[in-house]
């Protein structure tokens, strides 16, 4: 009955003005739905069957996109109650916790989604590297992805200050101090970011504008470019398939000097498809339903911990009584660990070399070997170097997170890490 009512509505004058195609009942309808739909047009009408395998990408790119959508929606809701002022920001957090209906849950979802987005964008980049999906023709899209990762760090970092508690205040103090180690421009960058020499009202309003306007707008633009390039660069990277001989190819797949219409595209018989028709499946419903299921999984992934654990909120920010040790956000603890050994090398040279190496990587490694293959044996050296660097950064992050105690001294993880500076009169 609902299907019949839907088809009746789609055939009405109002329905035809909104939906050009109702529920697809044939291959041609599925093709027309993908072409005419505002949402589906970013997909091709058909995708390679390998795209549907979870092991191809583990859905890491889509998970990152869904987390950004969840962050945008919950962030917009939080903006109704948040006041970016040093004398009201902390009270806004308390109001969300005790006054606003479901306010604490919305804040928890936003907090968990922010941490998970940093994690999954990083995992997505690792997946792209380990499957050599950055090689031609996808070089530029790798650079766009790197920019998206840096923007993700920026979004999480700027949002870290907004609760205006002790954790946020001193994490941002440490984080901006690391940025100040850059030669020539470091102190100027720090001054522009904070609007002064210390974290105060000017810093809070700057971080707020960056977090809710500038960085999300840049992120949305680059995500659109990233998705567009995935589509125009041939979809997801996959191993090269041997060219079929004329005897193996269906007659309809041989080059033709004619114009191809919707029927030919729906059948997958155009020579531009690049794969035998049997290897292609319709986006509707095969890919679309998997995307919906993945979104439900991601939402559950942030909702369950949001119900069980509250986002951290310590005492109101106090510039006089710092915690010991004062730590940067967890995703910058590896850098803080490096800076503790050498401010210049750890805070400037090493991260600068890492970002530069990642940006030029696809333009140096152009051999079409191992594309679409996890841990290809033809890329042993590149995989080994990347894995060593990744393991080093993870180790440094773990040390900074669990093994650093008061005065940044090494300490067993089961001992208390943070003590307050006793300077009260």
Protein backbone atom coordinates (compact mmCIF):
# COMPACT_ATOMS: atom_id res chain seq x y z
CA UNK A 1 0.00 0.00 0.00
CA UNK A 2 2.69 2.61 0.84
CA UNK A 3 4.47 1.77 -2.42
CA UNK A 4 1.24 2.21 -4.38
CA UNK A 5 0.52 5.56 -2.71
CA UNK A 6 4.08 6.69 -3.42
CA UNK A 7 3.76 5.81 -7.10
CA UNK A 8 0.44 7.63 -7.29
CA UNK A 9 2.00 10.71 -5.73
CA UNK A 10 4.98 10.57 -8.09
CA UNK A 11 2.65 10.39 -11.09
CA UNK A 12 0.65 13.41 -9.90
CA UNK A 13 1.44 16.92 -11.13
CA UNK A 14 3.01 17.90 -7.80
CA UNK A 15 4.97 14.67 -7.58
CA UNK A 16 6.34 15.02 -11.13
CA UNK A 17 7.52 18.55 -10.30
CA UNK A 18 9.57 17.19 -7.37
CA UNK A 19 10.54 13.63 -8.31
CA UNK A 20 11.22 12.90 -11.96
CA UNK A 21 11.35 9.17 -11.22
CA UNK A 22 9.40 7.22 -8.61
CA UNK A 23 10.60 4.02 -7.03
CA UNK A 24 12.79 2.42 -9.72
CA UNK A 25 11.18 -0.73 -11.11
CA UNK A 26 13.58 -1.41 -13.97
CA UNK A 27 17.21 -0.93 -14.95
CA UNK A 28 16.32 2.12 -16.99
CA UNK A 29 14.46 3.65 -14.02
CA UNK A 30 17.48 3.08 -11.77
CA UNK A 31 19.66 4.86 -14.31
CA UNK A 32 17.23 7.77 -14.61
CA UNK A 33 16.93 8.04 -10.82
CA UNK A 34 20.70 8.29 -10.42
CA UNK A 35 20.96 10.95 -13.11
CA UNK A 36 18.04 13.12 -12.00
CA UNK A 37 18.35 12.88 -8.20
CA UNK A 38 19.96 15.76 -6.32
CA UNK A 39 21.62 13.31 -3.91
CA UNK A 40 22.37 10.40 -6.20
CA UNK A 41 23.84 12.37 -9.10
CA UNK A 42 27.22 12.46 -7.35
CA UNK A 43 27.34 8.70 -7.96
CA UNK A 44 27.70 7.04 -11.34
CA UNK A 45 24.72 5.04 -12.51
CA UNK A 46 26.76 1.87 -12.08
CA UNK A 47 29.76 1.04 -9.91
CA UNK A 48 32.29 -1.76 -9.98
CA UNK A 49 31.23 -4.75 -7.91
CA UNK A 50 34.52 -4.59 -6.00
CA UNK A 51 33.43 -1.21 -4.63
CA UNK A 52 30.74 -2.94 -2.59
CA UNK A 53 33.21 -5.17 -0.76
CA UNK A 54 33.81 -3.87 2.75
CA UNK A 55 37.47 -4.92 2.65
CA UNK A 56 38.13 -2.59 -0.28
CA UNK A 57 37.99 0.60 1.82
CA UNK A 58 36.40 -0.42 5.15
CA UNK A 59 34.12 2.57 4.53
CA UNK A 60 36.67 4.92 6.11
CA UNK A 61 36.06 7.81 3.73
CA UNK A 62 32.29 7.63 4.12
CA UNK A 63 32.60 7.31 7.89
CA UNK A 64 34.66 10.51 7.92
CA UNK A 65 32.04 12.28 5.81
CA UNK A 66 29.20 11.11 8.05
CA UNK A 67 31.06 12.28 11.15
CA UNK A 68 31.46 15.72 9.58
CA UNK A 69 27.71 15.83 8.89
CA UNK A 70 26.95 14.82 12.49
CA UNK A 71 29.36 17.47 13.75
CA UNK A 72 27.75 20.13 11.58
CA UNK A 73 24.23 19.33 12.79
CA UNK A 74 25.10 19.03 16.49
CA UNK A 75 27.36 22.08 16.27
CA UNK A 76 24.50 24.14 14.86
CA UNK A 77 22.28 23.01 17.77
CA UNK A 78 24.96 23.90 20.32
CA UNK A 79 25.32 27.39 18.82
CA UNK A 80 21.81 28.23 20.02
CA UNK A 81 23.00 28.09 23.62
CA UNK A 82 26.72 28.85 23.51
CA UNK A 83 28.00 32.36 24.23
CA UNK A 84 31.62 32.98 23.10
CA UNK A 85 32.60 35.16 26.07
CA UNK A 86 35.07 34.31 28.81
CA UNK A 87 32.54 35.18 31.51
CA UNK A 88 29.70 33.14 29.96
CA UNK A 89 31.24 30.28 27.97
CA UNK A 90 31.72 27.97 30.94
CA UNK A 91 28.22 28.72 32.20
CA UNK A 92 26.91 27.77 28.75
CA UNK A 93 28.45 24.34 29.24
CA UNK A 94 26.78 24.04 32.63
CA UNK A 95 23.44 25.09 31.16
CA UNK A 96 23.75 22.40 28.51
CA UNK A 97 24.43 19.87 31.26
CA UNK A 98 21.70 20.82 33.74
CA UNK A 99 19.15 23.13 32.05
CA UNK A 100 18.78 22.34 28.34
CA UNK A 101 16.80 19.20 27.53
CA UNK A 102 19.17 16.59 26.05
CA UNK A 103 21.83 19.31 25.90
CA UNK A 104 24.47 17.11 27.51
CA UNK A 105 23.80 14.29 25.04
CA UNK A 106 24.12 16.66 22.07
CA UNK A 107 27.42 17.98 23.45
CA UNK A 108 28.62 14.43 24.07
CA UNK A 109 27.78 13.41 20.49
CA UNK A 110 29.64 16.46 19.19
CA UNK A 111 32.67 15.71 21.35
CA UNK A 112 32.88 12.01 20.47
CA UNK A 113 32.33 12.71 16.77
CA UNK A 114 35.17 15.25 16.79
CA UNK A 115 37.64 12.78 18.28
CA UNK A 116 36.48 9.97 16.00
CA UNK A 117 36.75 12.18 12.91
CA UNK A 118 40.42 12.86 13.61
CA UNK A 119 40.95 9.12 14.01
CA UNK A 120 39.02 8.01 10.92
CA UNK A 121 40.40 10.68 8.58
CA UNK A 122 43.87 9.53 9.62
CA UNK A 123 42.90 5.89 9.04
CA UNK A 124 41.45 6.84 5.65
CA UNK A 125 44.75 8.39 4.60
CA UNK A 126 46.59 5.27 5.76
CA UNK A 127 44.21 3.12 3.72
CA UNK A 128 44.83 5.23 0.62
CA UNK A 129 48.58 4.88 1.09
CA UNK A 130 48.61 1.15 1.78
CA UNK A 131 46.50 0.48 -1.33
CA UNK A 132 48.53 2.94 -3.47
CA UNK A 133 45.33 4.82 -4.30
CA UNK A 134 47.29 8.08 -4.55
CA UNK A 135 48.94 7.17 -7.83
CA UNK A 136 47.95 8.66 -11.21
CA UNK A 137 45.39 9.91 -11.98
CA UNK A 138 44.59 10.55 -8.30
CA UNK A 139 47.63 12.65 -7.31
CA UNK A 140 45.75 15.90 -6.80
CA UNK A 141 42.99 14.22 -4.85
CA UNK A 142 45.61 12.87 -2.42
CA UNK A 143 46.78 16.45 -1.84
CA UNK A 144 43.15 17.51 -1.29
CA UNK A 145 42.80 14.67 1.21
CA UNK A 146 45.93 15.82 3.03
CA UNK A 147 44.47 19.35 3.25
CA UNK A 148 41.26 17.85 4.64
CA UNK A 149 43.24 16.03 7.32
CA UNK A 150 44.96 19.26 8.35
CA UNK A 151 41.59 21.06 8.40
CA UNK A 152 40.20 18.27 10.57
CA UNK A 153 43.00 18.86 13.08
CA UNK A 154 42.30 22.58 12.93
CA UNK A 155 38.59 22.11 13.52
CA UNK A 156 39.16 19.87 16.51
CA UNK A 157 41.85 22.16 17.90
CA UNK A 158 39.76 25.34 17.64
CA UNK A 159 36.76 23.62 19.20
CA UNK A 160 38.89 22.43 22.10
CA UNK A 161 38.99 25.91 23.66
CA UNK A 162 35.27 26.67 23.56
CA UNK A 163 34.23 24.99 26.87
CA UNK A 164 36.63 27.40 28.62
CA UNK A 165 37.61 24.98 31.38
CA UNK A 166 41.06 24.17 32.73
CA UNK A 167 41.59 21.32 30.29
CA UNK A 168 40.74 23.48 27.28
CA UNK A 169 42.62 26.56 28.43
CA UNK A 170 45.93 24.85 29.08
CA UNK A 171 45.70 22.49 26.11
CA UNK A 172 45.35 25.50 23.81
CA UNK A 173 48.14 27.31 25.66
CA UNK A 174 50.47 24.39 25.00
CA UNK A 175 49.26 23.92 21.42
CA UNK A 176 49.75 27.54 20.41
CA UNK A 177 53.15 27.54 22.10
CA UNK A 178 54.19 24.69 19.77
CA UNK A 179 53.09 26.79 16.77
CA UNK A 180 55.21 29.66 18.08
CA UNK A 181 58.41 27.67 17.58
CA UNK A 182 58.30 28.20 13.80
CA UNK A 183 61.20 30.47 12.78
CA UNK A 184 60.50 34.04 11.65
CA UNK A 185 56.69 33.73 11.53
CA UNK A 186 56.00 31.55 14.58
CA UNK A 187 55.45 34.32 17.11
CA UNK A 188 53.45 36.38 14.63
CA UNK A 189 51.23 33.40 13.85
CA UNK A 190 50.70 32.80 17.54
CA UNK A 191 49.85 36.47 18.12
CA UNK A 192 47.35 36.52 15.25
CA UNK A 193 45.74 33.29 16.44
CA UNK A 194 45.41 34.42 20.07
CA UNK A 195 44.84 38.11 19.41
CA UNK A 196 47.52 38.80 22.01
CA UNK A 197 50.19 37.02 23.99
CA UNK A 198 47.90 34.96 26.23
CA UNK A 199 44.70 32.96 25.87
CA UNK A 200 41.84 35.36 26.61
CA UNK A 201 38.69 36.87 25.16
CA UNK A 202 40.36 37.71 21.83
CA UNK A 203 41.56 34.11 21.48
CA UNK A 204 38.12 32.71 22.35
CA UNK A 205 36.29 34.79 19.75
CA UNK A 206 38.91 33.96 17.10
CA UNK A 207 38.70 30.24 17.81
CA UNK A 208 34.90 30.44 17.77
CA UNK A 209 34.77 32.13 14.36
CA UNK A 210 37.33 29.72 12.93
CA UNK A 211 35.47 26.75 14.37
CA UNK A 212 31.94 27.62 13.26
CA UNK A 213 32.51 29.63 10.05
CA UNK A 214 35.92 29.65 8.37
CA UNK A 215 37.13 26.08 8.79
CA UNK A 216 33.75 24.36 8.19
CA UNK A 217 33.29 26.38 4.97
CA UNK A 218 36.76 25.38 3.77
CA UNK A 219 36.10 21.79 4.79
CA UNK A 220 32.78 21.64 2.90
CA UNK A 221 34.39 23.08 -0.24
CA UNK A 222 37.29 20.62 -0.19
CA UNK A 223 34.95 17.69 0.54
CA UNK A 224 32.93 18.63 -2.57
CA UNK A 225 36.11 18.78 -4.64
CA UNK A 226 37.33 15.51 -3.13
CA UNK A 227 34.12 13.64 -3.97
CA UNK A 228 34.00 15.15 -7.44
CA UNK A 229 37.57 14.03 -8.13
CA UNK A 230 36.81 10.52 -6.89
CA UNK A 231 34.06 10.39 -9.50
CA UNK A 232 36.05 11.95 -12.36
CA UNK A 233 39.27 10.05 -11.60
CA UNK A 234 37.61 6.72 -12.27
CA UNK A 235 36.13 5.85 -8.91
CA UNK A 236 37.94 3.85 -6.26
CA UNK A 237 41.37 2.51 -7.12
CA UNK A 238 41.42 -1.17 -7.98
CA UNK A 239 43.96 -3.57 -9.48
CA UNK A 240 44.38 -3.41 -13.21
CA UNK A 241 42.42 -6.07 -15.01
CA UNK A 242 43.76 -7.80 -18.11
CA UNK A 243 42.36 -6.41 -21.31
CA UNK A 244 39.77 -8.82 -22.73
CA UNK A 245 40.34 -10.09 -26.22
CA UNK A 246 37.73 -9.32 -28.89
CA UNK A 247 36.52 -12.90 -28.60
CA UNK A 248 35.94 -12.44 -24.83
CA UNK A 249 34.15 -9.11 -25.14
CA UNK A 250 30.40 -8.97 -25.71
CA UNK A 251 29.46 -7.47 -29.02
CA UNK A 252 27.81 -4.49 -27.36
CA UNK A 253 31.05 -3.61 -25.55
CA UNK A 254 33.06 -3.25 -28.78
CA UNK A 255 33.73 0.36 -29.95
CA UNK A 256 30.81 1.83 -31.80
CA UNK A 257 30.41 5.06 -33.70
CA UNK A 258 27.09 6.10 -32.22
CA UNK A 259 25.63 8.26 -29.48
CA UNK A 260 24.86 6.35 -26.30
CA UNK A 261 21.64 7.07 -24.47
CA UNK A 262 20.12 6.10 -21.15
CA UNK A 263 19.27 2.58 -22.29
CA UNK A 264 22.85 1.78 -23.28
CA UNK A 265 24.20 3.32 -20.09
CA UNK A 266 21.71 1.33 -18.03
CA UNK A 267 22.82 -1.87 -19.69
CA UNK A 268 26.48 -1.04 -19.08
CA UNK A 269 27.30 -1.60 -22.74
CA UNK A 270 29.24 1.57 -23.54
CA UNK A 271 32.95 1.24 -24.26
CA UNK A 272 33.71 3.94 -21.67
CA UNK A 273 32.55 1.77 -18.79
CA UNK A 274 35.98 0.15 -18.59
CA UNK A 275 34.77 -3.16 -17.23
CA UNK A 276 32.63 -6.06 -18.45
CA UNK A 277 28.92 -5.58 -17.72
CA UNK A 278 28.95 -8.51 -15.31
CA UNK A 279 31.42 -6.62 -13.08
CA UNK A 280 29.13 -3.59 -12.75
CA UNK A 281 26.14 -3.15 -10.45
CA UNK A 282 23.58 -0.40 -10.15
CA UNK A 283 24.17 2.32 -7.58
CA UNK A 284 20.49 2.00 -6.72
CA UNK A 285 19.90 -0.07 -4.66
CA UNK A 286 23.22 -1.89 -4.08
CA UNK A 287 25.53 0.99 -3.13
CA UNK A 288 22.87 3.32 -1.73
CA UNK A 289 21.54 0.81 0.80
CA UNK A 290 25.06 0.05 2.01
CA UNK A 291 25.68 3.77 2.50
CA UNK A 292 22.49 4.08 4.57
CA UNK A 293 23.46 1.11 6.74
CA UNK A 294 26.92 2.57 7.27
CA UNK A 295 25.43 5.88 8.38
CA UNK A 296 23.27 4.09 10.92
CA UNK A 297 26.38 2.32 12.21
CA UNK A 298 28.30 5.60 12.51
CA UNK A 299 25.43 7.28 14.33
CA UNK A 300 25.27 4.39 16.78
CA UNK A 301 29.04 4.58 17.16
CA UNK A 302 28.80 8.14 18.51
CA UNK A 303 25.42 7.84 20.25
CA UNK A 304 26.28 4.88 22.50
CA UNK A 305 29.37 6.45 24.14
CA UNK A 306 27.55 9.81 24.24
CA UNK A 307 24.90 8.19 26.45
CA UNK A 308 27.38 6.30 28.62
CA UNK A 309 30.16 8.87 29.09
CA UNK A 310 29.98 12.66 29.36
CA UNK A 311 32.41 14.89 27.52
CA UNK A 312 35.07 16.11 29.96
CA UNK A 313 34.45 19.41 31.73
CA UNK A 314 36.82 20.48 34.47
CA UNK A 315 36.81 23.62 36.59
CA UNK A 316 36.54 27.00 34.92
CA UNK A 317 39.71 28.20 33.18
CA UNK A 318 42.22 29.81 35.51
CA UNK A 319 45.44 31.33 34.21
CA UNK A 320 47.00 31.38 37.70
CA UNK A 321 46.81 27.68 38.61
CA UNK A 322 48.00 25.48 35.73
CA UNK A 323 47.79 21.69 35.83
CA UNK A 324 51.04 19.76 35.99
CA UNK A 325 51.69 18.53 33.39
CA UNK A 326 49.82 20.78 30.96
CA UNK A 327 49.15 18.72 27.85
CA UNK A 328 48.08 19.52 24.31
CA UNK A 329 45.08 17.70 22.79
CA UNK A 330 45.80 13.99 22.31
CA UNK A 331 46.37 14.29 18.55
CA UNK A 332 49.19 16.81 19.21
CA UNK A 333 50.83 14.87 22.05
CA UNK A 334 53.30 13.30 19.63
CA UNK A 335 54.43 16.78 18.63
CA UNK A 336 54.57 17.87 22.26
CA UNK A 337 56.78 14.87 22.99
CA UNK A 338 59.11 15.87 20.14
CA UNK A 339 59.13 19.51 21.29
CA UNK A 340 60.14 18.38 24.78
CA UNK A 341 63.38 17.11 23.24
CA UNK A 342 63.96 19.94 20.74
CA UNK A 343 61.65 22.89 20.15
CA UNK A 344 62.96 23.66 16.65
CA UNK A 345 63.39 20.13 15.32
CA UNK A 346 60.34 18.69 17.01
CA UNK A 347 57.98 21.61 16.50
CA UNK A 348 59.05 22.81 13.05
CA UNK A 349 61.40 20.58 11.06
CA UNK A 350 59.87 17.14 11.65
CA UNK A 351 56.18 18.09 11.10
CA UNK A 352 57.17 20.28 8.14
CA UNK A 353 59.09 17.43 6.51
CA UNK A 354 56.24 14.99 7.11
CA UNK A 355 53.62 17.25 5.51
CA UNK A 356 55.90 18.10 2.58
CA UNK A 357 56.80 14.45 1.98
CA UNK A 358 53.13 13.45 1.98
CA UNK A 359 52.24 16.27 -0.43
CA UNK A 360 54.91 15.39 -3.03
CA UNK A 361 54.60 11.61 -2.63
CA UNK A 362 52.16 10.97 -5.52
CA UNK A 363 54.26 13.06 -7.89
CA UNK A 364 57.42 11.07 -7.12
CA UNK A 365 55.93 7.58 -6.91
CA UNK A 366 54.30 7.30 -10.33
CA UNK A 367 54.89 3.64 -11.18
CA UNK A 368 51.53 1.87 -11.60
CA UNK A 369 52.44 -0.96 -9.26
CA UNK A 370 50.28 -2.27 -6.47
CA UNK A 371 47.35 0.06 -7.13
CA UNK A 372 44.29 -1.14 -5.27
CA UNK A 373 46.17 -3.94 -3.51
CA UNK A 374 46.65 -3.96 0.25
CA UNK A 375 50.35 -4.11 1.24
CA UNK A 376 51.51 -4.94 -2.27
CA UNK A 377 54.81 -6.80 -2.36
CA UNK A 378 55.95 -4.48 -5.16
CA UNK A 379 56.00 -1.54 -2.70
CA UNK A 380 57.88 -3.09 0.23
CA UNK A 381 60.29 -0.17 0.73
CA UNK A 382 57.62 2.56 0.62
CA UNK A 383 55.32 0.60 2.92
CA UNK A 384 58.15 -0.09 5.38
CA UNK A 385 59.19 3.59 5.58
CA UNK A 386 55.61 4.79 6.02
CA UNK A 387 54.88 2.13 8.65
CA UNK A 388 57.99 3.01 10.67
CA UNK A 389 57.08 6.72 10.65
CA UNK A 390 53.49 5.94 11.59
CA UNK A 391 54.53 3.60 14.41
CA UNK A 392 56.96 6.24 15.71
CA UNK A 393 54.28 8.91 15.87
CA UNK A 394 51.83 6.53 17.55
CA UNK A 395 54.48 5.57 20.11
CA UNK A 396 55.28 9.20 20.87
CA UNK A 397 51.57 9.96 21.22
CA UNK A 398 51.12 7.04 23.62
CA UNK A 399 54.11 8.19 25.69
CA UNK A 400 52.75 11.73 25.90
CA UNK A 401 49.28 10.48 26.75
CA UNK A 402 50.01 7.83 29.39
CA UNK A 403 53.66 7.93 30.40
CA UNK A 404 54.27 11.62 31.16
CA UNK A 405 53.66 12.85 34.70
CA UNK A 406 54.35 16.07 36.64
CA UNK A 407 57.10 18.23 35.13
CA UNK A 408 56.90 16.03 32.00
CA UNK A 409 58.84 13.27 33.72
CA UNK A 410 58.42 9.67 32.66
CA UNK A 411 55.96 7.89 34.90
CA UNK A 412 54.10 4.58 35.01
CA UNK A 413 50.62 4.89 33.44
CA UNK A 414 48.80 3.59 36.53
CA UNK A 415 50.03 6.49 38.67
CA UNK A 416 48.15 9.81 38.78
CA UNK A 417 49.40 12.09 36.00
CA UNK A 418 48.03 15.53 36.78
CA UNK A 419 48.48 17.47 39.96
CA UNK A 420 47.48 21.05 40.63
CA UNK A 421 50.08 23.68 41.24
CA UNK A 422 49.76 24.60 44.92
CA UNK A 423 50.26 28.33 44.83
CA UNK A 424 47.21 29.48 46.69
CA UNK A 425 47.92 31.93 49.52
